[in-house]
Amino acid sequence: MAMLPVAQLYARDVPDLRTPEGTDLLQVLWCPFDHPIMPRTALFWRSAAIITDILSTPPEPPAMQFDSYLPEPCLLHPEQITEYPDHLELSTELQEQLRQWNVPQADEEDMYPQTYYDCVLSNAPGWKVGGWPAWDSTDLNPQHCSECGTRMEVLLTIATFEEGDDEGRSWSPYENPTAEPSPGLVHFDANQPTAVQIGRGYRQHLYICPATPEHPHIELMT
């Protein structure tokens, strides 16, 4: 079964992508079937300088569990931002301060302060490299490396939707007003440019060991 390309990231384009020594390219592939609740991914750290045999058309598998496991080709324009941890990852003291926080913008959005913090201020929605995971659909679940026990960090988030839950769409990127969908695309939705769907509209986080990125990675759906 041929695995499908999901993302190809160059270190020169993504400042937050920390590559192992001797590599400057990350290629992410997955099997287009659930294992058991989402596609199983494979990470390949490579040196772009030694890649000479480039396929113009990636192989497609004879079957897929869902059409939404075949990503639409997208050209990335990375934007570097600052994120903060989900409120569940804050100390007890900070969580209490957050509950007592009086912010007019939260009232305008009809949100509790901690919900406003999570949706508007802490972590960005959509596909992203690095950053913090959102725990709005599951309990806090830190991941640790199976090889050395180091607490793992998010390498890549594969998201169903690009937009957040706030009406102001505070995390929306500035789009090129002349940009158009790639020729031949049957489907295009600015909120789902890749046409990928994880579960019923969730996110698939790929965690790696910050001490040794070559250690086995972990997948988590939130």
C-alpha atoms as a PDB file:
ATOM      1  CA  MET A   1       0.000   0.000   0.000  1.00  0.00           C
ATOM      2  CA  ALA A   2       1.545   3.314  -1.092  1.00  0.00           C
ATOM      3  CA  MET A   3       1.659   5.947   1.636  1.00  0.00           C
ATOM      4  CA  LEU A   4       0.398   9.413   0.774  1.00  0.00           C
ATOM      5  CA  PRO A   5       2.423  12.638   1.102  1.00  0.00           C
ATOM      6  CA  VAL A   6       0.914  14.928   3.720  1.00  0.00           C
ATOM      7  CA  ALA A   7       3.492  17.678   4.226  1.00  0.00           C
ATOM      8  CA  GLN A   8       6.946  18.659   2.984  1.00  0.00           C
ATOM      9  CA  LEU A   9       8.684  21.312   5.047  1.00  0.00           C
ATOM     10  CA  TYR A  10      12.068  22.960   4.502  1.00  0.00           C
ATOM     11  CA  ALA A  11      13.970  24.386   7.458  1.00  0.00           C
ATOM     12  CA  ARG A  12      14.706  27.526   5.439  1.00  0.00           C
ATOM     13  CA  ASP A  13      10.964  28.251   5.227  1.00  0.00           C
ATOM     14  CA  VAL A  14       9.926  27.264   8.763  1.00  0.00           C
ATOM     15  CA  PRO A  15      12.074  28.840  11.501  1.00  0.00           C
ATOM     16  CA  ASP A  16      10.455  26.719  14.244  1.00  0.00           C
ATOM     17  CA  LEU A  17      11.291  23.433  12.506  1.00  0.00           C
ATOM     18  CA  ARG A  18      14.223  21.981  14.433  1.00  0.00           C
ATOM     19  CA  THR A  19      15.791  19.334  12.228  1.00  0.00           C
ATOM     20  CA  PRO A  20      18.283  16.619  13.250  1.00  0.00           C
ATOM     21  CA  GLU A  21      21.913  17.322  12.402  1.00  0.00           C
ATOM     22  CA  GLY A  22      22.651  16.951   8.712  1.00  0.00           C
ATOM     23  CA  THR A  23      19.049  17.379   7.594  1.00  0.00           C
ATOM     24  CA  ASP A  24      17.020  20.373   6.448  1.00  0.00           C
ATOM     25  CA  LEU A  25      13.850  18.758   5.118  1.00  0.00           C
ATOM     26  CA  LEU A  26      10.931  16.979   6.759  1.00  0.00           C
ATOM     27  CA  GLN A  27       8.591  14.783   4.736  1.00  0.00           C
ATOM     28  CA  VAL A  28       5.422  13.477   6.397  1.00  0.00           C
ATOM     29  CA  LEU A  29       3.534  10.567   4.859  1.00  0.00           C
ATOM     30  CA  TRP A  30       0.542   8.596   6.060  1.00  0.00           C
ATOM     31  CA  CYS A  31      -1.461   5.474   5.371  1.00  0.00           C
ATOM     32  CA  PRO A  32      -4.974   6.476   4.226  1.00  0.00           C
ATOM     33  CA  PHE A  33      -6.662   4.078   6.676  1.00  0.00           C
ATOM     34  CA  ASP A  34      -7.413   4.457  10.374  1.00  0.00           C
ATOM     35  CA  HIS A  35      -4.923   2.824  12.785  1.00  0.00           C
ATOM     36  CA  PRO A  36      -7.218   2.556  14.734  1.00  0.00           C
ATOM     37  CA  ILE A  37      -8.872   6.017  14.790  1.00  0.00           C
ATOM     38  CA  MET A  38      -6.672   8.124  12.491  1.00  0.00           C
ATOM     39  CA  PRO A  39      -4.094   7.647   9.730  1.00  0.00           C
ATOM     40  CA  ARG A  40      -0.710   6.289  10.779  1.00  0.00           C
ATOM     41  CA  THR A  41       2.114   8.674   9.886  1.00  0.00           C
ATOM     42  CA  ALA A  42       5.772   8.242   8.982  1.00  0.00           C
ATOM     43  CA  LEU A  43       8.436  10.952   9.335  1.00  0.00           C
ATOM     44  CA  PHE A  44      11.434  11.250   7.029  1.00  0.00           C
ATOM     45  CA  TRP A  45      14.229  13.708   7.893  1.00  0.00           C
ATOM     46  CA  ARG A  46      16.354  14.302   4.797  1.00  0.00           C
ATOM     47  CA  SER A  47      18.939  16.593   3.238  1.00  0.00           C
ATOM     48  CA  ALA A  48      17.452  18.492   0.309  1.00  0.00           C
ATOM     49  CA  ALA A  49      20.865  18.697  -1.369  1.00  0.00           C
ATOM     50  CA  ILE A  50      21.075  14.951  -2.003  1.00  0.00           C
ATOM     51  CA  ILE A  51      17.554  14.541  -3.419  1.00  0.00           C
ATOM     52  CA  THR A  52      17.821  14.360  -7.180  1.00  0.00           C
ATOM     53  CA  ASP A  53      15.197  11.812  -8.276  1.00  0.00           C
ATOM     54  CA  ILE A  54      11.971  13.768  -7.803  1.00  0.00           C
ATOM     55  CA  LEU A  55       8.586  12.294  -8.677  1.00  0.00           C
ATOM     56  CA  SER A  56       6.381  14.689 -10.602  1.00  0.00           C
ATOM     57  CA  THR A  57       3.273  12.747  -9.550  1.00  0.00           C
ATOM     58  CA  PRO A  58       3.267  10.963  -6.170  1.00  0.00           C
ATOM     59  CA  PRO A  59       1.882   7.397  -6.253  1.00  0.00           C
ATOM     60  CA  GLU A  60      -1.728   6.985  -5.146  1.00  0.00           C
ATOM     61  CA  PRO A  61      -2.980   3.927  -3.264  1.00  0.00           C
ATOM     62  CA  PRO A  62      -5.516   1.600  -4.900  1.00  0.00           C
ATOM     63  CA  ALA A  63      -7.951   2.319  -2.064  1.00  0.00           C
ATOM     64  CA  MET A  64      -8.554   4.770   0.785  1.00  0.00           C
ATOM     65  CA  GLN A  65     -10.811   4.558   3.785  1.00  0.00           C
ATOM     66  CA  PHE A  66     -12.054   8.111   3.234  1.00  0.00           C
ATOM     67  CA  ASP A  67     -11.602  10.602   0.398  1.00  0.00           C
ATOM     68  CA  SER A  68     -10.647  13.155   3.058  1.00  0.00           C
ATOM     69  CA  TYR A  69      -7.409  11.223   3.616  1.00  0.00           C
ATOM     70  CA  LEU A  70      -6.123  12.401   0.223  1.00  0.00           C
ATOM     71  CA  PRO A  71      -4.879  15.972   0.843  1.00  0.00           C
ATOM     72  CA  GLU A  72      -5.419  18.592  -1.830  1.00  0.00           C
ATOM     73  CA  PRO A  73      -2.042  20.051  -2.932  1.00  0.00           C
ATOM     74  CA  CYS A  74      -1.328  23.370  -1.212  1.00  0.00           C
ATOM     75  CA  LEU A  75       1.530  25.838  -1.456  1.00  0.00           C
ATOM     76  CA  LEU A  76       2.461  27.105   1.990  1.00  0.00           C
ATOM     77  CA  HIS A  77       3.275  30.658   3.013  1.00  0.00           C
ATOM     78  CA  PRO A  78       4.455  30.169   6.624  1.00  0.00           C
ATOM     79  CA  GLU A  79       3.673  32.883   9.150  1.00  0.00           C
ATOM     80  CA  GLN A  80       5.506  32.867  12.482  1.00  0.00           C
ATOM     81  CA  ILE A  81       3.365  33.648  15.539  1.00  0.00           C
ATOM     82  CA  THR A  82       3.573  33.471  19.337  1.00  0.00           C
ATOM     83  CA  GLU A  83       1.355  31.012  21.207  1.00  0.00           C
ATOM     84  CA  TYR A  84       0.662  30.281  24.867  1.00  0.00           C
ATOM     85  CA  PRO A  85      -0.342  27.034  26.605  1.00  0.00           C
ATOM     86  CA  ASP A  86      -3.966  25.947  26.895  1.00  0.00           C
ATOM     87  CA  HIS A  87      -5.473  27.025  30.226  1.00  0.00           C
ATOM     88  CA  LEU A  88      -5.316  23.376  31.417  1.00  0.00           C
ATOM     89  CA  GLU A  89      -1.515  23.509  31.216  1.00  0.00           C
ATOM     90  CA  LEU A  90      -1.267  26.609  33.418  1.00  0.00           C
ATOM     91  CA  SER A  91      -0.516  26.499  37.131  1.00  0.00           C
ATOM     92  CA  THR A  92      -3.421  26.419  39.601  1.00  0.00           C
ATOM     93  CA  GLU A  93      -2.680  30.025  40.528  1.00  0.00           C
ATOM     94  CA  LEU A  94      -2.781  31.230  36.924  1.00  0.00           C
ATOM     95  CA  GLN A  95      -5.956  29.269  36.230  1.00  0.00           C
ATOM     96  CA  GLU A  96      -7.643  31.006  39.177  1.00  0.00           C
ATOM     97  CA  GLN A  97      -6.468  34.411  37.933  1.00  0.00           C
ATOM     98  CA  LEU A  98      -7.885  33.544  34.542  1.00  0.00           C
ATOM     99  CA  ARG A  99     -11.276  32.660  36.034  1.00  0.00           C
ATOM    100  CA  GLN A 100     -11.357  36.048  37.785  1.00  0.00           C
ATOM    101  CA  TRP A 101     -10.203  37.937  34.705  1.00  0.00           C
ATOM    102  CA  ASN A 102     -12.540  40.723  33.621  1.00  0.00           C
ATOM    103  CA  VAL A 103     -12.090  41.307  29.909  1.00  0.00           C
ATOM    104  CA  PRO A 104     -14.717  43.179  27.865  1.00  0.00           C
ATOM    105  CA  GLN A 105     -13.811  41.302  24.685  1.00  0.00           C
ATOM    106  CA  ALA A 106     -14.910  38.014  26.297  1.00  0.00           C
ATOM    107  CA  ASP A 107     -18.345  39.505  26.998  1.00  0.00           C
ATOM    108  CA  GLU A 108     -18.590  40.666  23.398  1.00  0.00           C
ATOM    109  CA  GLU A 109     -17.852  37.114  22.220  1.00  0.00           C
ATOM    110  CA  ASP A 110     -20.246  35.700  24.860  1.00  0.00           C
ATOM    111  CA  MET A 111     -17.425  33.562  26.270  1.00  0.00           C
ATOM    112  CA  TYR A 112     -16.135  32.739  29.714  1.00  0.00           C
ATOM    113  CA  PRO A 113     -12.697  34.312  30.315  1.00  0.00           C
ATOM    114  CA  GLN A 114     -10.844  30.988  30.114  1.00  0.00           C
ATOM    115  CA  THR A 115     -12.687  30.070  26.913  1.00  0.00           C
ATOM    116  CA  TYR A 116     -11.792  33.458  25.436  1.00  0.00           C
ATOM    117  CA  TYR A 117      -8.167  32.904  26.420  1.00  0.00           C
ATOM    118  CA  ASP A 118      -8.081  29.470  24.760  1.00  0.00           C
ATOM    119  CA  CYS A 119      -9.863  30.516  21.556  1.00  0.00           C
ATOM    120  CA  VAL A 120      -8.397  33.967  20.985  1.00  0.00           C
ATOM    121  CA  LEU A 121      -5.114  34.286  22.867  1.00  0.00           C
ATOM    122  CA  SER A 122      -3.423  30.946  23.582  1.00  0.00           C
ATOM    123  CA  ASN A 123      -3.050  28.527  20.659  1.00  0.00           C
ATOM    124  CA  ALA A 124      -3.794  29.011  16.996  1.00  0.00           C
ATOM    125  CA  PRO A 125      -6.157  26.710  15.100  1.00  0.00           C
ATOM    126  CA  GLY A 126      -5.323  25.079  11.779  1.00  0.00           C
ATOM    127  CA  TRP A 127      -2.250  23.316  10.425  1.00  0.00           C
ATOM    128  CA  LYS A 128       0.921  24.414  12.189  1.00  0.00           C
ATOM    129  CA  VAL A 129       4.482  23.483  13.071  1.00  0.00           C
ATOM    130  CA  GLY A 130       5.354  23.483  16.759  1.00  0.00           C
ATOM    131  CA  GLY A 131       3.260  25.469  19.191  1.00  0.00           C
ATOM    132  CA  TRP A 132       0.853  24.142  21.789  1.00  0.00           C
ATOM    133  CA  PRO A 133      -2.000  21.637  21.509  1.00  0.00           C
ATOM    134  CA  ALA A 134      -5.595  22.578  22.333  1.00  0.00           C
ATOM    135  CA  TRP A 135      -7.388  20.486  24.951  1.00  0.00           C
ATOM    136  CA  ASP A 136     -10.936  21.582  24.165  1.00  0.00           C
ATOM    137  CA  SER A 137     -12.164  18.100  23.211  1.00  0.00           C
ATOM    138  CA  THR A 138     -10.172  15.918  25.615  1.00  0.00           C
ATOM    139  CA  ASP A 139      -8.466  15.968  28.999  1.00  0.00           C
ATOM    140  CA  LEU A 140      -4.890  17.158  29.386  1.00  0.00           C
ATOM    141  CA  ASN A 141      -2.693  14.314  28.167  1.00  0.00           C
ATOM    142  CA  PRO A 142       1.062  15.064  28.096  1.00  0.00           C
ATOM    143  CA  GLN A 143       3.131  12.683  25.968  1.00  0.00           C
ATOM    144  CA  HIS A 144       6.505  11.218  26.936  1.00  0.00           C
ATOM    145  CA  CYS A 145       9.162   9.605  24.776  1.00  0.00           C
ATOM    146  CA  SER A 146       9.055   5.808  24.892  1.00  0.00           C
ATOM    147  CA  GLU A 147      12.853   5.661  24.533  1.00  0.00           C
ATOM    148  CA  CYS A 148      14.134   8.203  27.068  1.00  0.00           C
ATOM    149  CA  GLY A 149      11.094   9.494  28.991  1.00  0.00           C
ATOM    150  CA  THR A 150      11.544  13.130  27.883  1.00  0.00           C
ATOM    151  CA  ARG A 151       8.313  15.105  27.669  1.00  0.00           C
ATOM    152  CA  MET A 152       7.541  15.344  23.973  1.00  0.00           C
ATOM    153  CA  GLU A 153       6.672  18.454  21.981  1.00  0.00           C
ATOM    154  CA  VAL A 154       4.266  18.997  19.110  1.00  0.00           C
ATOM    155  CA  LEU A 155       6.060  18.770  15.781  1.00  0.00           C
ATOM    156  CA  LEU A 156       3.072  19.174  13.469  1.00  0.00           C
ATOM    157  CA  THR A 157      -0.663  19.669  13.836  1.00  0.00           C
ATOM    158  CA  ILE A 158      -2.847  18.352  11.018  1.00  0.00           C
ATOM    159  CA  ALA A 159      -6.168  20.112  11.447  1.00  0.00           C
ATOM    160  CA  THR A 160      -9.561  19.708   9.854  1.00  0.00           C
ATOM    161  CA  PHE A 161     -10.303  23.432  10.013  1.00  0.00           C
ATOM    162  CA  GLU A 162      -8.154  26.549   9.709  1.00  0.00           C
ATOM    163  CA  GLU A 163     -10.505  28.964  11.473  1.00  0.00           C
ATOM    164  CA  GLY A 164     -11.038  29.240  15.221  1.00  0.00           C
ATOM    165  CA  ASP A 165     -14.273  29.392  17.216  1.00  0.00           C
ATOM    166  CA  ASP A 166     -14.332  33.131  17.879  1.00  0.00           C
ATOM    167  CA  GLU A 167     -16.542  35.354  15.750  1.00  0.00           C
ATOM    168  CA  GLY A 168     -13.708  37.809  15.175  1.00  0.00           C
ATOM    169  CA  ARG A 169     -11.558  35.089  13.550  1.00  0.00           C
ATOM    170  CA  SER A 170      -8.578  36.486  15.425  1.00  0.00           C
ATOM    171  CA  TRP A 171      -6.186  33.833  14.109  1.00  0.00           C
ATOM    172  CA  SER A 172      -7.086  34.200  10.439  1.00  0.00           C
ATOM    173  CA  PRO A 173      -3.985  34.816   8.280  1.00  0.00           C
ATOM    174  CA  TYR A 174      -3.695  37.761   5.979  1.00  0.00           C
ATOM    175  CA  GLU A 175      -4.461  36.278   2.596  1.00  0.00           C
ATOM    176  CA  ASN A 176      -3.197  37.525  -0.738  1.00  0.00           C
ATOM    177  CA  PRO A 177      -6.325  39.168  -2.205  1.00  0.00           C
ATOM    178  CA  THR A 178      -5.387  37.956  -5.699  1.00  0.00           C
ATOM    179  CA  ALA A 179      -4.774  34.345  -4.614  1.00  0.00           C
ATOM    180  CA  GLU A 180      -6.884  31.705  -6.318  1.00  0.00           C
ATOM    181  CA  PRO A 181      -7.302  27.941  -5.888  1.00  0.00           C
ATOM    182  CA  SER A 182      -4.895  25.762  -7.863  1.00  0.00           C
ATOM    183  CA  PRO A 183      -6.088  24.861 -11.382  1.00  0.00           C
ATOM    184  CA  GLY A 184      -8.091  21.644 -11.507  1.00  0.00           C
ATOM    185  CA  LEU A 185      -9.354  21.780  -7.937  1.00  0.00           C
ATOM    186  CA  VAL A 186     -12.941  20.600  -7.688  1.00  0.00           C
ATOM    187  CA  HIS A 187     -13.189  21.456  -4.009  1.00  0.00           C
ATOM    188  CA  PHE A 188     -11.914  24.591  -2.338  1.00  0.00           C
ATOM    189  CA  ASP A 189     -12.886  25.924   1.046  1.00  0.00           C
ATOM    190  CA  ALA A 190     -10.677  28.547   2.731  1.00  0.00           C
ATOM    191  CA  ASN A 191     -11.510  26.912   6.066  1.00  0.00           C
ATOM    192  CA  GLN A 192     -10.466  23.486   4.724  1.00  0.00           C
ATOM    193  CA  PRO A 193      -7.915  24.163   1.974  1.00  0.00           C
ATOM    194  CA  THR A 194      -6.401  20.676   2.230  1.00  0.00           C
ATOM    195  CA  ALA A 195      -9.851  18.968   2.298  1.00  0.00           C
ATOM    196  CA  VAL A 196      -8.465  16.734   5.079  1.00  0.00           C
ATOM    197  CA  GLN A 197     -10.817  15.680   7.859  1.00  0.00           C
ATOM    198  CA  ILE A 198      -9.586  14.103  11.080  1.00  0.00           C
ATOM    199  CA  GLY A 199     -12.312  12.142  12.853  1.00  0.00           C
ATOM    200  CA  ARG A 200     -15.453  14.251  13.108  1.00  0.00           C
ATOM    201  CA  GLY A 201     -13.531  17.470  12.635  1.00  0.00           C
ATOM    202  CA  TYR A 202     -10.630  17.184  15.068  1.00  0.00           C
ATOM    203  CA  ARG A 203      -6.834  17.620  14.957  1.00  0.00           C
ATOM    204  CA  GLN A 204      -4.037  15.085  14.679  1.00  0.00           C
ATOM    205  CA  HIS A 205      -0.922  16.110  16.613  1.00  0.00           C
ATOM    206  CA  LEU A 206       2.452  14.550  15.839  1.00  0.00           C
ATOM    207  CA  TYR A 207       4.734  14.624  18.873  1.00  0.00           C
ATOM    208  CA  ILE A 208       8.507  14.188  18.769  1.00  0.00           C
ATOM    209  CA  CYS A 209      11.241  13.912  21.383  1.00  0.00           C
ATOM    210  CA  PRO A 210      13.030  17.299  21.652  1.00  0.00           C
ATOM    211  CA  ALA A 211      16.167  15.565  22.928  1.00  0.00           C
ATOM    212  CA  THR A 212      16.406  13.121  20.030  1.00  0.00           C
ATOM    213  CA  PRO A 213      13.982  13.739  17.136  1.00  0.00           C
ATOM    214  CA  GLU A 214      14.852  10.345  15.628  1.00  0.00           C
ATOM    215  CA  HIS A 215      13.140   8.572  18.542  1.00  0.00           C
ATOM    216  CA  PRO A 216       9.670   7.158  17.667  1.00  0.00           C
ATOM    217  CA  HIS A 217       7.043   9.853  17.376  1.00  0.00           C
ATOM    218  CA  ILE A 218       3.541   9.730  18.863  1.00  0.00           C
ATOM    219  CA  GLU A 219       0.163  10.651  17.351  1.00  0.00           C
ATOM    220  CA  LEU A 220      -2.685  12.117  19.352  1.00  0.00           C
ATOM    221  CA  MET A 221      -6.157  13.281  18.309  1.00  0.00           C
ATOM    222  CA  THR A 222      -7.741  16.261  20.092  1.00  0.00           C
END
